[in-house]
Protein backbone atom coordinates (compact mmCIF):
# COMPACT_ATOMS: atom_id res chain seq x y z
CA UNK A 1 0.00 0.00 0.00
CA UNK A 2 1.33 3.40 -1.00
CA UNK A 3 1.78 5.84 1.90
CA UNK A 4 -0.51 8.87 1.63
CA UNK A 5 0.62 12.36 2.51
CA UNK A 6 -1.43 14.42 4.95
CA UNK A 7 -3.24 16.38 2.23
CA UNK A 8 -4.33 13.18 0.53
CA UNK A 9 -5.59 11.84 3.85
CA UNK A 10 -7.69 14.97 4.44
CA UNK A 11 -9.20 14.65 0.97
CA UNK A 12 -9.98 10.98 1.57
CA UNK A 13 -11.80 12.01 4.74
CA UNK A 14 -13.99 14.55 2.99
CA UNK A 15 -12.06 17.82 3.22
CA UNK A 16 -11.98 19.62 -0.12
CA UNK A 17 -8.89 21.36 -1.46
CA UNK A 18 -10.35 24.91 -1.02
CA UNK A 19 -11.30 24.22 2.63
CA UNK A 20 -7.92 22.67 3.41
CA UNK A 21 -6.02 25.49 1.72
CA UNK A 22 -8.02 28.14 3.61
CA UNK A 23 -7.38 26.35 6.90
CA UNK A 24 -3.63 26.14 6.28
CA UNK A 25 -3.48 29.86 5.47
CA UNK A 26 -5.09 30.65 8.81
CA UNK A 27 -2.78 28.28 10.71
CA UNK A 28 0.39 29.98 9.48
CA UNK A 29 -0.36 33.00 11.66
CA UNK A 30 -1.05 31.04 14.87
CA UNK A 31 2.39 29.60 15.61
CA UNK A 32 3.21 32.19 18.29
CA UNK A 33 -0.17 31.73 20.04
CA UNK A 34 0.31 27.97 20.10
CA UNK A 35 3.77 28.30 21.66
CA UNK A 36 2.28 30.39 24.50
CA UNK A 37 -0.35 27.72 25.10
CA UNK A 38 2.33 25.02 25.27
CA UNK A 39 4.25 27.05 27.86
CA UNK A 40 1.14 27.35 30.06
CA UNK A 41 0.52 23.61 29.67
CA UNK A 42 4.08 22.89 30.78
CA UNK A 43 3.65 25.09 33.87
CA UNK A 44 0.35 23.43 34.80
CA UNK A 45 1.74 19.96 34.13
CA UNK A 46 4.52 20.61 36.63
CA UNK A 47 1.97 21.98 39.11
CA UNK A 48 -0.12 18.79 38.92
CA UNK A 49 2.94 16.54 39.07
CA UNK A 50 4.26 18.39 42.12
CA UNK A 51 0.90 17.98 43.89
CA UNK A 52 0.88 14.25 43.17
CA UNK A 53 4.43 13.74 44.38
CA UNK A 54 4.02 15.83 47.54
CA UNK A 55 0.88 13.91 48.47
CA UNK A 56 2.64 10.57 47.91
CA UNK A 57 0.34 9.10 45.28
CA UNK A 58 1.12 5.37 45.30
CA UNK A 59 -0.02 2.23 43.52
CA UNK A 60 -2.29 1.55 46.50
CA UNK A 61 -4.14 4.80 45.72
CA UNK A 62 -5.39 3.30 42.45
CA UNK A 63 -7.16 0.28 43.97
CA UNK A 64 -10.41 1.81 45.23
CA UNK A 65 -13.10 0.51 47.57
CA UNK A 66 -16.67 -0.82 47.62
CA UNK A 67 -19.54 -0.60 50.07
CA UNK A 68 -19.32 2.28 52.50
CA UNK A 69 -15.86 3.25 51.32
CA UNK A 70 -14.41 3.84 54.76
CA UNK A 71 -10.68 4.64 54.84
CA UNK A 72 -10.43 4.90 51.05
CA UNK A 73 -6.75 5.89 50.69
CA UNK A 74 -7.02 6.69 46.98
CA UNK A 75 -10.09 8.89 47.38
CA UNK A 76 -8.61 10.81 50.30
CA UNK A 77 -5.26 11.26 48.56
CA UNK A 78 -6.93 12.43 45.35
CA UNK A 79 -8.84 15.08 47.28
CA UNK A 80 -5.58 16.22 48.87
CA UNK A 81 -4.04 16.44 45.39
CA UNK A 82 -6.92 18.60 44.15
CA UNK A 83 -6.60 20.84 47.21
CA UNK A 84 -2.89 21.24 46.44
CA UNK A 85 -3.48 22.01 42.76
CA UNK A 86 -6.13 24.64 43.58
CA UNK A 87 -4.27 25.90 46.68
CA UNK A 88 -7.27 25.34 48.97
CA UNK A 89 -7.80 23.90 52.43
CA UNK A 90 -9.82 20.94 51.17
CA UNK A 91 -11.57 19.38 48.19
CA UNK A 92 -14.44 17.02 47.42
CA UNK A 93 -13.83 14.89 44.29
CA UNK A 94 -16.40 12.16 43.81
CA UNK A 95 -17.98 9.94 41.16
CA UNK A 96 -21.23 10.40 43.09
CA UNK A 97 -21.30 13.98 41.75
CA UNK A 98 -22.99 13.31 38.43
CA UNK A 99 -22.21 16.46 36.42
CA UNK A 100 -21.23 20.11 36.60
CA UNK A 101 -24.79 21.25 37.35
CA UNK A 102 -24.97 18.74 40.21
CA UNK A 103 -21.64 20.00 41.62
CA UNK A 104 -22.87 23.60 41.51
CA UNK A 105 -26.27 22.71 43.01
CA UNK A 106 -24.49 20.78 45.75
CA UNK A 107 -22.20 23.71 46.58
CA UNK A 108 -25.14 26.15 46.67
CA UNK A 109 -27.63 24.01 48.58
CA UNK A 110 -25.09 23.01 51.22
CA UNK A 111 -23.83 26.51 51.95
CA UNK A 112 -27.10 28.46 51.84
CA UNK A 113 -29.86 28.38 54.45
CA UNK A 114 -33.51 29.51 54.46
CA UNK A 115 -33.62 33.31 54.56
CA UNK A 116 -30.27 33.71 52.79
CA UNK A 117 -29.90 35.45 49.45
CA UNK A 118 -27.82 34.35 46.46
CA UNK A 119 -26.33 37.05 44.23
CA UNK A 120 -25.01 36.72 40.70
CA UNK A 121 -23.03 39.87 39.81
CA UNK A 122 -22.25 38.63 36.28
CA UNK A 123 -25.73 38.36 34.82
CA UNK A 124 -27.86 35.32 34.10
CA UNK A 125 -26.35 31.96 35.05
CA UNK A 126 -26.13 28.94 32.77
CA UNK A 127 -29.52 27.59 31.67
CA UNK A 128 -29.50 24.44 33.81
CA UNK A 129 -28.96 26.52 36.97
CA UNK A 130 -32.18 28.45 36.42
CA UNK A 131 -34.20 25.54 37.81
CA UNK A 132 -31.69 24.96 40.61
CA UNK A 133 -32.13 28.56 41.74
CA UNK A 134 -35.85 28.80 40.99
CA UNK A 135 -35.68 31.40 38.22
CA UNK A 136 -37.73 28.81 36.35
CA UNK A 137 -40.08 26.90 38.62
CA UNK A 138 -38.75 23.48 39.56
CA UNK A 139 -39.18 20.95 42.34
CA UNK A 140 -36.52 21.21 45.04
CA UNK A 141 -35.15 24.59 43.93
CA UNK A 142 -33.45 27.05 46.27
CA UNK A 143 -36.56 29.21 45.99
CA UNK A 144 -38.67 26.40 47.47
CA UNK A 145 -36.40 26.43 50.52
CA UNK A 146 -36.81 30.15 51.11
CA UNK A 147 -33.55 31.25 49.50
CA UNK A 148 -33.95 34.38 47.38
CA UNK A 149 -31.97 35.36 44.30
CA UNK A 150 -30.72 38.66 43.00
CA UNK A 151 -28.86 39.42 39.78
CA UNK A 152 -26.78 42.30 38.46
CA UNK A 153 -26.14 42.25 34.74
CA UNK A 154 -22.80 43.06 33.19
CA UNK A 155 -22.41 46.47 31.57
CA UNK A 156 -22.80 46.67 27.77
CA UNK A 157 -19.01 46.59 27.39
CA UNK A 158 -18.78 43.42 29.49
CA UNK A 159 -17.53 45.23 32.59
CA UNK A 160 -18.79 44.77 36.14
CA UNK A 161 -21.54 47.12 37.29
CA UNK A 162 -19.86 47.89 40.61
CA UNK A 163 -22.38 50.57 41.57
CA UNK A 164 -25.36 48.22 41.36
CA UNK A 165 -23.40 45.28 42.80
CA UNK A 166 -22.78 47.37 45.91
CA UNK A 167 -26.48 48.24 46.09
CA UNK A 168 -27.46 44.58 45.70
CA UNK A 169 -25.28 43.40 48.58
CA UNK A 170 -27.32 43.37 51.79
CA UNK A 171 -27.51 41.69 55.19
CA UNK A 172 -29.13 38.58 53.65
CA UNK A 173 -26.48 38.09 50.94
CA UNK A 174 -24.75 34.90 51.99
CA UNK A 175 -23.20 33.67 48.76
CA UNK A 176 -22.09 35.25 45.49
CA UNK A 177 -21.86 32.99 42.43
CA UNK A 178 -19.51 33.99 39.62
CA UNK A 179 -19.76 32.10 36.34
CA UNK A 180 -16.37 32.17 34.65
CA UNK A 181 -17.45 30.92 31.24
CA UNK A 182 -20.06 32.43 28.97
CA UNK A 183 -22.62 29.60 28.90
CA UNK A 184 -25.17 30.10 26.12
CA UNK A 185 -24.37 33.80 25.92
CA UNK A 186 -22.01 35.84 23.80
CA UNK A 187 -20.48 37.79 26.67
CA UNK A 188 -16.73 37.61 27.36
CA UNK A 189 -15.40 34.81 29.54
CA UNK A 190 -13.94 36.17 32.77
CA UNK A 191 -10.19 36.00 33.31
CA UNK A 192 -8.83 34.89 36.67
CA UNK A 193 -7.48 38.42 37.16
CA UNK A 194 -10.91 39.98 36.62
CA UNK A 195 -12.54 37.42 38.91
CA UNK A 196 -10.01 38.36 41.59
CA UNK A 197 -10.86 42.05 41.21
CA UNK A 198 -14.57 41.32 41.57
CA UNK A 199 -14.04 39.13 44.64
CA UNK A 200 -11.83 41.80 46.26
CA UNK A 201 -14.60 44.37 45.73
CA UNK A 202 -17.27 42.10 47.21
CA UNK A 203 -15.13 41.14 50.20
CA UNK A 204 -14.33 44.79 50.90
CA UNK A 205 -18.06 45.49 51.20
CA UNK A 206 -19.13 42.21 52.84
CA UNK A 207 -16.18 40.21 54.22
CA UNK A 208 -18.30 37.27 55.43
CA UNK A 209 -19.86 36.65 52.03
CA UNK A 210 -18.92 33.32 50.38
CA UNK A 211 -17.59 33.78 46.83
CA UNK A 212 -18.12 30.71 44.64
CA UNK A 213 -16.78 30.41 41.08
CA UNK A 214 -18.33 28.14 38.46
CA UNK A 215 -15.00 27.07 36.94
CA UNK A 216 -16.42 24.79 34.24
CA UNK A 217 -14.33 24.90 31.02
CA UNK A 218 -11.71 27.13 32.65
CA UNK A 219 -9.36 24.78 34.51
CA UNK A 220 -5.71 24.87 33.36
CA UNK A 221 -6.37 27.50 30.69
CA UNK A 222 -4.34 29.97 32.75
CA UNK A 223 -1.54 29.45 35.27
CA UNK A 224 -3.77 30.49 38.17
CA UNK A 225 -7.23 29.34 39.26
CA UNK A 226 -9.95 31.47 40.92
CA UNK A 227 -9.02 30.07 44.34
CA UNK A 228 -5.62 31.73 43.90
CA UNK A 229 -7.34 35.13 43.85
CA UNK A 230 -9.74 34.86 46.76
CA UNK A 231 -12.56 32.48 45.76
CA UNK A 232 -13.89 30.50 48.72
CA UNK A 233 -15.05 27.71 46.42
CA UNK A 234 -14.19 26.57 42.91
CA UNK A 235 -16.60 24.09 41.29
CA UNK A 236 -16.38 22.01 38.13
CA UNK A 237 -17.04 18.80 36.23
CA UNK A 238 -14.60 15.94 35.67
CA UNK A 239 -15.92 15.28 32.16
CA UNK A 240 -14.62 18.71 31.26
CA UNK A 241 -11.02 19.97 31.61
CA UNK A 242 -9.78 18.36 34.87
CA UNK A 243 -10.79 14.82 33.87
CA UNK A 244 -8.44 14.91 30.89
CA UNK A 245 -10.88 12.90 28.76
CA UNK A 246 -10.45 9.80 30.94
CA UNK A 247 -12.80 10.45 33.86
CA UNK A 248 -16.14 8.80 32.96
CA UNK A 249 -18.17 10.81 35.50
CA UNK A 250 -17.69 13.06 38.51
CA UNK A 251 -17.31 16.58 39.79
CA UNK A 252 -15.23 18.54 42.27
CA UNK A 253 -15.56 21.30 44.83
CA UNK A 254 -12.29 22.84 46.05
CA UNK A 255 -12.31 25.50 48.73
CA UNK A 256 -12.35 26.33 52.40
CA UNK A 257 -12.63 23.44 54.85
CA UNK A 258 -16.04 24.62 56.04
CA UNK A 259 -17.54 24.98 52.55
CA UNK A 260 -16.25 21.59 51.44
CA UNK A 261 -17.43 19.84 54.61
CA UNK A 262 -20.88 21.39 54.18
CA UNK A 263 -20.99 20.02 50.64
CA UNK A 264 -19.84 16.57 51.78
CA UNK A 265 -22.58 16.41 54.42
CA UNK A 266 -25.16 17.31 51.77
CA UNK A 267 -23.78 14.78 49.26
CA UNK A 268 -23.76 11.89 51.74
CA UNK A 269 -25.38 12.56 55.11
CA UNK A 270 -24.92 14.77 58.16
CA UNK A 271 -22.55 12.97 60.49
CA UNK A 272 -20.97 11.01 57.63
CA UNK A 273 -19.61 13.74 55.36
CA UNK A 274 -16.41 12.81 53.53
CA UNK A 275 -15.93 9.53 55.41
CA UNK A 276 -18.12 7.48 53.06
CA UNK A 277 -18.46 7.12 49.31
CA UNK A 278 -16.76 4.15 47.66
CA UNK A 279 -14.57 4.89 44.64
CA UNK A 280 -15.55 1.64 42.88
CA UNK A 281 -12.40 1.13 40.83
CA UNK A 282 -12.66 4.48 39.09
CA UNK A 283 -9.60 6.12 40.67
CA UNK A 284 -7.03 5.29 37.93
CA UNK A 285 -9.05 7.33 35.42
CA UNK A 286 -9.39 10.20 37.90
CA UNK A 287 -5.68 10.31 38.66
CA UNK A 288 -4.45 9.81 35.10
CA UNK A 289 -7.09 12.19 33.73
CA UNK A 290 -5.92 14.94 36.08
CA UNK A 291 -2.31 14.20 35.12
CA UNK A 292 -3.13 14.59 31.41
CA UNK A 293 -5.51 17.54 31.89
CA UNK A 294 -3.02 20.38 31.24
CA UNK A 295 -1.95 19.04 27.83
CA UNK A 296 -5.47 17.97 26.85
CA UNK A 297 -6.74 21.45 27.73
CA UNK A 298 -3.96 22.92 25.59
CA UNK A 299 -5.16 20.90 22.59
CA UNK A 300 -8.72 22.11 23.10
CA UNK A 301 -7.49 25.71 23.35
CA UNK A 302 -5.63 25.44 20.07
CA UNK A 303 -8.81 24.17 18.42
CA UNK A 304 -10.83 27.06 19.86
CA UNK A 305 -8.34 29.64 18.58
CA UNK A 306 -8.24 27.98 15.17
CA UNK A 307 -12.06 28.06 15.00
CA UNK A 308 -12.16 31.72 16.02
CA UNK A 309 -9.73 32.74 13.31
CA UNK A 310 -11.42 30.60 10.64
CA UNK A 311 -14.94 31.95 11.17
CA UNK A 312 -13.91 35.51 11.97
CA UNK A 313 -12.21 35.76 8.58
CA UNK A 314 -15.45 34.59 6.99
CA UNK A 315 -17.36 37.49 8.57
CA UNK A 316 -19.11 35.78 11.48
CA UNK A 317 -19.22 37.14 15.00
CA UNK A 318 -16.95 35.13 17.28
CA UNK A 319 -16.44 35.33 21.06
CA UNK A 320 -13.61 35.49 21.95
CA UNK A 321 -12.25 37.02 18.75
CA UNK A 322 -9.26 35.59 16.94
CA UNK A 323 -6.64 37.64 18.77
CA UNK A 324 -7.79 38.25 22.36
CA UNK A 325 -6.54 36.29 25.36
CA UNK A 326 -8.30 33.06 26.29
CA UNK A 327 -9.83 32.16 29.65
CA UNK A 328 -11.81 29.02 28.82
CA UNK A 329 -11.97 26.42 26.05
CA UNK A 330 -15.33 27.51 24.60
CA UNK A 331 -15.58 29.23 21.24
CA UNK A 332 -18.85 30.90 20.27
CA UNK A 333 -19.66 31.50 16.61
CA UNK A 334 -22.83 33.43 15.76
CA UNK A 335 -24.41 32.38 12.47
CA UNK A 336 -27.62 34.39 12.68
CA UNK A 337 -29.52 31.58 10.97
CA UNK A 338 -30.34 28.04 12.12
CA UNK A 339 -28.84 26.48 8.96
CA UNK A 340 -25.31 27.50 9.94
CA UNK A 341 -25.69 26.28 13.52
CA UNK A 342 -27.01 22.90 12.39
CA UNK A 343 -24.40 22.46 9.64
CA UNK A 344 -21.55 23.26 12.05
CA UNK A 345 -22.76 20.62 14.51
CA UNK A 346 -23.18 18.09 11.71
CA UNK A 347 -19.56 18.65 10.72
CA UNK A 348 -18.29 18.17 14.27
CA UNK A 349 -20.29 14.95 14.61
CA UNK A 350 -18.93 13.68 11.28
CA UNK A 351 -15.39 14.25 12.60
CA UNK A 352 -15.94 12.15 15.73
CA UNK A 353 -14.23 8.82 16.48
CA UNK A 354 -17.53 7.48 17.88
CA UNK A 355 -20.90 7.74 16.06
CA UNK A 356 -19.42 9.70 13.16
CA UNK A 357 -22.17 8.27 10.93
CA UNK A 358 -24.94 9.81 13.09
CA UNK A 359 -26.59 13.12 12.20
CA UNK A 360 -27.39 15.29 15.25
CA UNK A 361 -30.88 16.75 15.49
CA UNK A 362 -32.37 19.44 17.75
CA UNK A 363 -34.35 18.09 20.71
CA UNK A 364 -36.12 19.17 23.88
CA UNK A 365 -33.24 18.65 26.30
CA UNK A 366 -34.04 18.66 30.05
CA UNK A 367 -33.08 21.89 31.80
CA UNK A 368 -33.29 24.14 28.72
CA UNK A 369 -36.05 26.49 27.55
CA UNK A 370 -35.63 25.80 23.81
CA UNK A 371 -34.58 22.96 21.58
CA UNK A 372 -30.83 22.26 21.65
CA UNK A 373 -28.64 20.58 19.06
CA UNK A 374 -25.59 18.73 20.33
CA UNK A 375 -22.72 17.04 18.51
CA UNK A 376 -20.52 14.80 20.61
CA UNK A 377 -19.18 11.54 19.26
CA UNK A 378 -17.22 10.93 22.44
CA UNK A 379 -15.69 8.02 24.34
CA UNK A 380 -17.41 9.41 27.47
CA UNK A 381 -21.03 10.31 26.82
CA UNK A 382 -21.53 14.07 26.92
CA UNK A 383 -17.87 14.81 27.64
CA UNK A 384 -17.18 18.38 26.56
CA UNK A 385 -13.40 18.14 26.87
CA UNK A 386 -13.74 15.85 23.86
CA UNK A 387 -14.53 17.39 20.47
CA UNK A 388 -18.09 18.67 20.75
CA UNK A 389 -20.42 21.50 19.82
CA UNK A 390 -23.90 22.56 20.80
CA UNK A 391 -26.28 25.47 20.79
CA UNK A 392 -29.92 26.43 21.39
CA UNK A 393 -32.18 26.72 18.36
CA UNK A 394 -33.08 30.35 18.99
CA UNK A 395 -31.67 33.73 17.95
CA UNK A 396 -28.88 34.66 17.50
CA UNK A 397 -28.25 31.01 16.50
CA UNK A 398 -24.82 30.81 18.04
CA UNK A 399 -22.88 27.56 18.26
CA UNK A 400 -20.60 26.79 21.19
CA UNK A 401 -17.61 24.67 20.23
CA UNK A 402 -15.27 23.08 22.73
CA UNK A 403 -12.88 20.24 23.34
CA UNK A 404 -10.47 18.07 21.44
CA UNK A 405 -8.33 15.50 23.22
CA UNK A 406 -5.56 16.09 20.69
CA UNK A 407 -4.75 19.09 18.52
CA UNK A 408 -4.81 17.10 15.24
CA UNK A 409 -8.34 15.92 16.01
CA UNK A 410 -9.47 19.43 16.97
CA UNK A 411 -8.04 20.72 13.68
CA UNK A 412 -9.83 18.06 11.66
CA UNK A 413 -13.09 18.79 13.48
CA UNK A 414 -12.96 22.49 12.62
CA UNK A 415 -12.15 21.75 8.98
CA UNK A 416 -15.04 19.27 8.86
CA UNK A 417 -17.40 21.85 10.35
CA UNK A 418 -16.31 24.34 7.71
CA UNK A 419 -16.72 21.76 4.95
CA UNK A 420 -20.29 21.00 6.03
CA UNK A 421 -21.13 24.71 6.29
CA UNK A 422 -19.79 25.27 2.77
CA UNK A 423 -21.84 22.36 1.43
CA UNK A 424 -24.97 23.71 3.17
CA UNK A 425 -24.29 27.14 1.61
CA UNK A 426 -24.19 28.65 5.11
CA UNK A 427 -20.59 29.78 4.50
CA UNK A 428 -18.85 31.07 1.40
CA UNK A 429 -15.06 30.83 1.15
CA UNK A 430 -13.15 33.85 -0.15
CA UNK A 431 -12.06 33.59 -3.76
């Protein structure tokens, strides 16, 4: 069999010469950006490795437990590793936390009490949290338990509305939730530096207020995490960045000892807290996933930057734009029409290693107020550190692209999305 060159391989896999040529032109200008990403990945890799070595991760830590899970060495060591990575007093890292929304709900419900008020100073939270809070009526919401909610929107330029944040803070404000990533919005993602400035402002006005950061999609993108700049809690999902594509389920809460213990008592039972919760043989994936997370996140970042530069050159609105600094792995592209959103997702699905032959369709997904289309041919179902894309079928018809366990796969996925958009006449390449 004659060996094919890379261009021939792309053509065999459905990428036309014009699409491939356009992609390579864009890539030529990204070498410097990619080198910066690799440097950050190296720093974070050393940070994770140091935490593992200092906490004496051993072969015994990979064995796991069943039943009650008392004295689970691997579970306890892993939580110490997470606390070291995030520079916090403690951490809760469990397969019993089913997803990012569950981790956030757990952190909120365990640290708020009837009569307290929750404040979001960065506008509307992610869609699935609306029912957790009670913005949309739902059984078991914070609202049902007598916890009120207040919101201060970002300014039109994406800045913090400090004047109205100060007015919103009151004697009932117990917890402030700060969503780092954009969710299904086209606002800027918050940098760790900006999060630190916001937390410092809030603490100066109300020192006893708990500041929680929804860190989903942001871990290892920068050299610091929100807990390095004053956050009392940092919350995320293991099937996003910190699981490195290997964790099949799980979430984490890293923060003060009191906040984490409150969450543990809510997850298991008062009086039991962190002492129970068998790891069920899942610990090797958790440890190795965390070890790989910095380089996997770097691959996803490269894909996001490539996508931004591709679609920005074609005249579409992209957030972040092709040149600005990155603070999460999500890339938003606004098509303005449903055809572009659907075609993009079809291209991502066609680039997947799993279920590449399946065509994604919009559906009424639980927790959302409109139909959502999702493309994710992943080894772990729903994993958004793997190559994936999704978006709500409503104006402005923006798609949210993320993930890519390796840079070559992320590159192919973007080219495949562009190919499908060209074929659907949702995109026209420059002549």
